[in-house]
């Protein structure tokens, strides 16, 4: 059974995420700070403000841990704000610095209603026709690492991928069977295009 680490960013319902991961046959552990355990995958949950999440990660020495995991190619899934922190920053908290793994930043978008709350279809070769659940006011407009987009007032990046780590702007743990498939793929390190080729 693969062991999955859920990082406690002090934001969001971690136990619903833990339950969603365990329903897929993984073992999930929530930690507020790194320890000596070895994990097969890592999830960075996704509610709360960009600046608050980064403050909590920095206070508990997570950035170095995550950088080492990235170097080792350990599967990693960032959800909502957990995806945004892969980038350089966010308009939500301009003084906060992200991990900087991707260039660009999250921006306040021209949504019909703020926040965006509800279901939207993904435009993606990897998850064609998938409808997933969003709760957000900020998002990354575009990225060279984008593997999915969606439209709500304007088009924005719904998911990114590089090597073994995946970021999604939506909440897969709230997205029924489509979300379960996305979590399973990301934590198994086998997110693939619709033709089956790994990316």
C-alpha atoms as a PDB file:
ATOM      1  CA  UNK A   1       0.000   0.000   0.000  1.00  0.00           C
ATOM      2  CA  UNK A   2       1.467   3.351  -1.047  1.00  0.00           C
ATOM      3  CA  UNK A   3       1.969   5.883   1.741  1.00  0.00           C
ATOM      4  CA  UNK A   4       0.766   9.405   0.982  1.00  0.00           C
ATOM      5  CA  UNK A   5       1.704  12.522   2.932  1.00  0.00           C
ATOM      6  CA  UNK A   6      -0.904  15.288   3.292  1.00  0.00           C
ATOM      7  CA  UNK A   7       0.738  18.533   4.371  1.00  0.00           C
ATOM      8  CA  UNK A   8      -1.220  20.418   7.018  1.00  0.00           C
ATOM      9  CA  UNK A   9      -1.254  23.982   5.691  1.00  0.00           C
ATOM     10  CA  UNK A  10      -3.719  25.037   8.433  1.00  0.00           C
ATOM     11  CA  UNK A  11      -6.412  25.566   5.813  1.00  0.00           C
ATOM     12  CA  UNK A  12      -9.241  23.434   4.511  1.00  0.00           C
ATOM     13  CA  UNK A  13     -10.887  20.159   5.472  1.00  0.00           C
ATOM     14  CA  UNK A  14      -7.939  17.803   5.509  1.00  0.00           C
ATOM     15  CA  UNK A  15      -9.969  14.866   6.736  1.00  0.00           C
ATOM     16  CA  UNK A  16     -12.291  14.848   3.709  1.00  0.00           C
ATOM     17  CA  UNK A  17      -9.191  14.868   1.506  1.00  0.00           C
ATOM     18  CA  UNK A  18      -7.651  12.062   3.581  1.00  0.00           C
ATOM     19  CA  UNK A  19     -10.830  10.006   3.214  1.00  0.00           C
ATOM     20  CA  UNK A  20     -10.885  10.560  -0.561  1.00  0.00           C
ATOM     21  CA  UNK A  21      -7.274   9.370  -0.862  1.00  0.00           C
ATOM     22  CA  UNK A  22      -7.831   6.326   1.351  1.00  0.00           C
ATOM     23  CA  UNK A  23     -10.882   5.289  -0.681  1.00  0.00           C
ATOM     24  CA  UNK A  24      -8.454   4.837  -3.582  1.00  0.00           C
ATOM     25  CA  UNK A  25      -6.441   2.272  -1.627  1.00  0.00           C
ATOM     26  CA  UNK A  26      -3.634   4.537  -0.407  1.00  0.00           C
ATOM     27  CA  UNK A  27      -2.534   5.055   3.185  1.00  0.00           C
ATOM     28  CA  UNK A  28      -2.671   8.773   4.082  1.00  0.00           C
ATOM     29  CA  UNK A  29      -0.916  10.632   6.901  1.00  0.00           C
ATOM     30  CA  UNK A  30      -1.419  14.302   7.837  1.00  0.00           C
ATOM     31  CA  UNK A  31       1.683  16.108   9.127  1.00  0.00           C
ATOM     32  CA  UNK A  32       2.185  19.690  10.286  1.00  0.00           C
ATOM     33  CA  UNK A  33       5.989  19.449   9.885  1.00  0.00           C
ATOM     34  CA  UNK A  34       8.387  17.076   8.104  1.00  0.00           C
ATOM     35  CA  UNK A  35       9.561  13.931   9.879  1.00  0.00           C
ATOM     36  CA  UNK A  36      11.774  10.963   9.005  1.00  0.00           C
ATOM     37  CA  UNK A  37       9.039   8.846   7.420  1.00  0.00           C
ATOM     38  CA  UNK A  38       9.376   7.995   3.739  1.00  0.00           C
ATOM     39  CA  UNK A  39       6.327   8.641   1.581  1.00  0.00           C
ATOM     40  CA  UNK A  40       5.400   7.507  -1.928  1.00  0.00           C
ATOM     41  CA  UNK A  41       3.452  10.661  -2.738  1.00  0.00           C
ATOM     42  CA  UNK A  42       2.700  14.122  -1.362  1.00  0.00           C
ATOM     43  CA  UNK A  43      -0.460  16.256  -1.422  1.00  0.00           C
ATOM     44  CA  UNK A  44      -0.507  20.008  -0.761  1.00  0.00           C
ATOM     45  CA  UNK A  45      -4.141  20.860   0.050  1.00  0.00           C
ATOM     46  CA  UNK A  46      -5.929  23.811  -1.369  1.00  0.00           C
ATOM     47  CA  UNK A  47      -7.963  26.226   0.683  1.00  0.00           C
ATOM     48  CA  UNK A  48      -6.970  29.502   2.312  1.00  0.00           C
ATOM     49  CA  UNK A  49      -4.992  32.554   1.242  1.00  0.00           C
ATOM     50  CA  UNK A  50      -1.777  32.289  -0.763  1.00  0.00           C
ATOM     51  CA  UNK A  51       0.220  34.311   1.764  1.00  0.00           C
ATOM     52  CA  UNK A  52      -1.079  32.375   4.768  1.00  0.00           C
ATOM     53  CA  UNK A  53      -0.326  29.026   3.164  1.00  0.00           C
ATOM     54  CA  UNK A  54       3.228  30.092   2.266  1.00  0.00           C
ATOM     55  CA  UNK A  55       3.752  31.517   5.773  1.00  0.00           C
ATOM     56  CA  UNK A  56       2.712  28.215   7.334  1.00  0.00           C
ATOM     57  CA  UNK A  57       4.853  26.169   4.935  1.00  0.00           C
ATOM     58  CA  UNK A  58       7.907  28.336   5.615  1.00  0.00           C
ATOM     59  CA  UNK A  59       7.369  28.248   9.391  1.00  0.00           C
ATOM     60  CA  UNK A  60       7.441  24.451   9.354  1.00  0.00           C
ATOM     61  CA  UNK A  61      10.404  24.005   6.968  1.00  0.00           C
ATOM     62  CA  UNK A  62       8.341  22.495   4.166  1.00  0.00           C
ATOM     63  CA  UNK A  63       9.926  24.264   1.151  1.00  0.00           C
ATOM     64  CA  UNK A  64      13.274  22.444   1.496  1.00  0.00           C
ATOM     65  CA  UNK A  65      11.469  19.155   2.029  1.00  0.00           C
ATOM     66  CA  UNK A  66       9.345  19.716  -1.076  1.00  0.00           C
ATOM     67  CA  UNK A  67      12.377  20.691  -3.146  1.00  0.00           C
ATOM     68  CA  UNK A  68      14.108  17.446  -2.161  1.00  0.00           C
ATOM     69  CA  UNK A  69      10.967  15.475  -3.020  1.00  0.00           C
ATOM     70  CA  UNK A  70      10.811  17.209  -6.384  1.00  0.00           C
ATOM     71  CA  UNK A  71      14.472  16.356  -7.039  1.00  0.00           C
ATOM     72  CA  UNK A  72      13.750  12.711  -6.178  1.00  0.00           C
ATOM     73  CA  UNK A  73      10.751  12.749  -8.554  1.00  0.00           C
ATOM     74  CA  UNK A  74       8.296  11.743  -5.840  1.00  0.00           C
ATOM     75  CA  UNK A  75       4.701  12.160  -7.106  1.00  0.00           C
ATOM     76  CA  UNK A  76       3.223  15.396  -5.795  1.00  0.00           C
ATOM     77  CA  UNK A  77      -0.282  16.871  -6.119  1.00  0.00           C
ATOM     78  CA  UNK A  78      -0.998  20.540  -5.384  1.00  0.00           C
ATOM     79  CA  UNK A  79      -4.668  21.470  -5.056  1.00  0.00           C
ATOM     80  CA  UNK A  80      -6.041  25.004  -5.653  1.00  0.00           C
ATOM     81  CA  UNK A  81      -3.734  27.282  -3.605  1.00  0.00           C
ATOM     82  CA  UNK A  82      -1.516  24.204  -3.346  1.00  0.00           C
ATOM     83  CA  UNK A  83      -1.075  24.502  -7.114  1.00  0.00           C
ATOM     84  CA  UNK A  84      -0.626  28.285  -7.069  1.00  0.00           C
ATOM     85  CA  UNK A  85       2.362  28.053  -4.712  1.00  0.00           C
ATOM     86  CA  UNK A  86       4.268  26.175  -7.442  1.00  0.00           C
ATOM     87  CA  UNK A  87       4.454  29.607  -9.127  1.00  0.00           C
ATOM     88  CA  UNK A  88       6.296  32.791  -8.159  1.00  0.00           C
ATOM     89  CA  UNK A  89       3.493  34.593  -6.371  1.00  0.00           C
ATOM     90  CA  UNK A  90      -0.105  35.759  -6.334  1.00  0.00           C
ATOM     91  CA  UNK A  91      -1.994  39.043  -6.622  1.00  0.00           C
ATOM     92  CA  UNK A  92      -3.908  37.926  -3.528  1.00  0.00           C
ATOM     93  CA  UNK A  93      -0.821  38.564  -1.354  1.00  0.00           C
ATOM     94  CA  UNK A  94       1.778  40.390  -3.494  1.00  0.00           C
ATOM     95  CA  UNK A  95       4.419  40.356  -0.756  1.00  0.00           C
ATOM     96  CA  UNK A  96       4.352  36.544  -0.442  1.00  0.00           C
ATOM     97  CA  UNK A  97       6.882  34.531  -2.468  1.00  0.00           C
ATOM     98  CA  UNK A  98       5.902  31.152  -3.909  1.00  0.00           C
ATOM     99  CA  UNK A  99       8.126  28.140  -4.500  1.00  0.00           C
ATOM    100  CA  UNK A 100       8.990  29.492  -7.952  1.00  0.00           C
ATOM    101  CA  UNK A 101       9.044  26.138  -9.739  1.00  0.00           C
ATOM    102  CA  UNK A 102       7.001  27.681 -12.575  1.00  0.00           C
ATOM    103  CA  UNK A 103       7.236  31.229 -13.892  1.00  0.00           C
ATOM    104  CA  UNK A 104       4.209  33.467 -13.493  1.00  0.00           C
ATOM    105  CA  UNK A 105       1.708  34.163 -10.763  1.00  0.00           C
ATOM    106  CA  UNK A 106      -1.919  33.701  -9.784  1.00  0.00           C
ATOM    107  CA  UNK A 107      -4.131  36.649 -10.714  1.00  0.00           C
ATOM    108  CA  UNK A 108      -7.597  37.897  -9.852  1.00  0.00           C
ATOM    109  CA  UNK A 109      -9.678  36.994 -12.864  1.00  0.00           C
ATOM    110  CA  UNK A 110     -12.773  38.414 -14.501  1.00  0.00           C
ATOM    111  CA  UNK A 111     -15.229  35.949 -13.021  1.00  0.00           C
ATOM    112  CA  UNK A 112     -18.993  36.636 -13.398  1.00  0.00           C
ATOM    113  CA  UNK A 113     -19.326  36.023  -9.651  1.00  0.00           C
ATOM    114  CA  UNK A 114     -16.587  35.887  -7.050  1.00  0.00           C
ATOM    115  CA  UNK A 115     -15.555  33.448  -5.865  1.00  0.00           C
ATOM    116  CA  UNK A 116     -16.098  30.932  -8.620  1.00  0.00           C
ATOM    117  CA  UNK A 117     -17.993  28.126  -6.917  1.00  0.00           C
ATOM    118  CA  UNK A 118     -19.289  25.127  -8.808  1.00  0.00           C
ATOM    119  CA  UNK A 119     -18.729  22.659 -11.597  1.00  0.00           C
ATOM    120  CA  UNK A 120     -16.938  23.394 -14.866  1.00  0.00           C
ATOM    121  CA  UNK A 121     -15.728  21.346 -17.799  1.00  0.00           C
ATOM    122  CA  UNK A 122     -12.027  20.875 -18.448  1.00  0.00           C
ATOM    123  CA  UNK A 123     -10.481  21.436 -21.852  1.00  0.00           C
ATOM    124  CA  UNK A 124      -7.802  18.765 -21.689  1.00  0.00           C
ATOM    125  CA  UNK A 125      -6.308  15.967 -23.785  1.00  0.00           C
ATOM    126  CA  UNK A 126      -5.557  14.056 -20.594  1.00  0.00           C
ATOM    127  CA  UNK A 127      -9.000  14.302 -18.960  1.00  0.00           C
ATOM    128  CA  UNK A 128     -11.358  14.867 -21.924  1.00  0.00           C
ATOM    129  CA  UNK A 129     -14.943  15.794 -21.034  1.00  0.00           C
ATOM    130  CA  UNK A 130     -14.154  15.806 -17.293  1.00  0.00           C
ATOM    131  CA  UNK A 131     -16.353  18.076 -15.164  1.00  0.00           C
ATOM    132  CA  UNK A 132     -14.781  19.116 -11.866  1.00  0.00           C
ATOM    133  CA  UNK A 133     -15.523  21.329  -8.876  1.00  0.00           C
ATOM    134  CA  UNK A 134     -13.914  24.770  -8.424  1.00  0.00           C
ATOM    135  CA  UNK A 135     -13.817  27.195  -5.489  1.00  0.00           C
ATOM    136  CA  UNK A 136     -11.498  30.109  -6.267  1.00  0.00           C
ATOM    137  CA  UNK A 137     -11.164  33.827  -6.926  1.00  0.00           C
ATOM    138  CA  UNK A 138      -7.572  33.691  -8.209  1.00  0.00           C
ATOM    139  CA  UNK A 139      -5.919  31.499 -10.808  1.00  0.00           C
ATOM    140  CA  UNK A 140      -2.942  31.361 -13.145  1.00  0.00           C
ATOM    141  CA  UNK A 141      -4.060  32.637 -16.537  1.00  0.00           C
ATOM    142  CA  UNK A 142      -1.653  30.565 -18.600  1.00  0.00           C
ATOM    143  CA  UNK A 143       1.440  28.428 -18.237  1.00  0.00           C
ATOM    144  CA  UNK A 144       3.759  26.582 -20.577  1.00  0.00           C
ATOM    145  CA  UNK A 145       3.195  23.578 -18.299  1.00  0.00           C
ATOM    146  CA  UNK A 146      -0.601  23.667 -18.614  1.00  0.00           C
ATOM    147  CA  UNK A 147      -2.340  20.328 -19.213  1.00  0.00           C
ATOM    148  CA  UNK A 148      -5.916  21.620 -18.790  1.00  0.00           C
ATOM    149  CA  UNK A 149      -7.828  24.886 -19.015  1.00  0.00           C
ATOM    150  CA  UNK A 150     -11.368  25.943 -18.215  1.00  0.00           C
ATOM    151  CA  UNK A 151     -13.535  28.993 -18.843  1.00  0.00           C
ATOM    152  CA  UNK A 152     -15.469  31.101 -16.346  1.00  0.00           C
ATOM    153  CA  UNK A 153     -15.610  34.704 -17.479  1.00  0.00           C
ATOM    154  CA  UNK A 154     -12.225  34.127 -19.100  1.00  0.00           C
ATOM    155  CA  UNK A 155     -10.014  31.171 -19.808  1.00  0.00           C
ATOM    156  CA  UNK A 156      -7.494  30.163 -17.166  1.00  0.00           C
ATOM    157  CA  UNK A 157      -5.129  27.326 -16.369  1.00  0.00           C
ATOM    158  CA  UNK A 158      -6.913  24.472 -14.579  1.00  0.00           C
ATOM    159  CA  UNK A 159      -3.946  22.088 -14.238  1.00  0.00           C
ATOM    160  CA  UNK A 160      -0.189  21.986 -14.727  1.00  0.00           C
ATOM    161  CA  UNK A 161       2.338  19.169 -14.838  1.00  0.00           C
ATOM    162  CA  UNK A 162       6.089  18.754 -14.870  1.00  0.00           C
ATOM    163  CA  UNK A 163       7.738  15.378 -14.402  1.00  0.00           C
ATOM    164  CA  UNK A 164       6.126  13.714 -11.363  1.00  0.00           C
ATOM    165  CA  UNK A 165       4.252  16.666  -9.905  1.00  0.00           C
ATOM    166  CA  UNK A 166       0.812  17.892 -10.845  1.00  0.00           C
ATOM    167  CA  UNK A 167      -1.100  21.005  -9.801  1.00  0.00           C
ATOM    168  CA  UNK A 168      -4.861  21.426 -10.201  1.00  0.00           C
ATOM    169  CA  UNK A 169      -6.841  24.633  -9.627  1.00  0.00           C
ATOM    170  CA  UNK A 170     -10.011  22.650  -8.896  1.00  0.00           C
ATOM    171  CA  UNK A 171     -10.797  20.336  -5.974  1.00  0.00           C
ATOM    172  CA  UNK A 172     -10.524  16.709  -7.133  1.00  0.00           C
ATOM    173  CA  UNK A 173     -11.576  15.436  -3.693  1.00  0.00           C
ATOM    174  CA  UNK A 174     -14.957  17.122  -4.317  1.00  0.00           C
ATOM    175  CA  UNK A 175     -15.207  16.121  -7.982  1.00  0.00           C
ATOM    176  CA  UNK A 176     -16.782  12.668  -7.796  1.00  0.00           C
ATOM    177  CA  UNK A 177     -15.412   9.908 -10.047  1.00  0.00           C
ATOM    178  CA  UNK A 178     -13.524  12.300 -12.336  1.00  0.00           C
ATOM    179  CA  UNK A 179     -11.711  13.735  -9.335  1.00  0.00           C
ATOM    180  CA  UNK A 180     -10.925  10.306  -7.911  1.00  0.00           C
ATOM    181  CA  UNK A 181      -9.314   9.303 -11.214  1.00  0.00           C
ATOM    182  CA  UNK A 182      -7.203  12.468 -11.237  1.00  0.00           C
ATOM    183  CA  UNK A 183      -5.993  11.901  -7.660  1.00  0.00           C
ATOM    184  CA  UNK A 184      -5.137   8.278  -8.396  1.00  0.00           C
ATOM    185  CA  UNK A 185      -3.206   9.174 -11.537  1.00  0.00           C
ATOM    186  CA  UNK A 186      -1.283  11.992  -9.897  1.00  0.00           C
ATOM    187  CA  UNK A 187      -0.260  10.011  -6.821  1.00  0.00           C
ATOM    188  CA  UNK A 188       0.705   7.000  -8.915  1.00  0.00           C
ATOM    189  CA  UNK A 189       2.883   9.199 -11.118  1.00  0.00           C
ATOM    190  CA  UNK A 190       1.156   8.081 -14.294  1.00  0.00           C
ATOM    191  CA  UNK A 191      -0.851  11.083 -15.464  1.00  0.00           C
ATOM    192  CA  UNK A 192      -1.108  10.486 -19.208  1.00  0.00           C
ATOM    193  CA  UNK A 193      -2.542  11.951 -22.352  1.00  0.00           C
ATOM    194  CA  UNK A 194      -5.750  10.445 -23.674  1.00  0.00           C
ATOM    195  CA  UNK A 195      -3.725   8.289 -26.093  1.00  0.00           C
ATOM    196  CA  UNK A 196      -1.935   6.704 -23.126  1.00  0.00           C
ATOM    197  CA  UNK A 197       1.449   8.351 -23.619  1.00  0.00           C
ATOM    198  CA  UNK A 198       3.009   9.515 -20.391  1.00  0.00           C
ATOM    199  CA  UNK A 199       3.959  13.171 -20.250  1.00  0.00           C
END
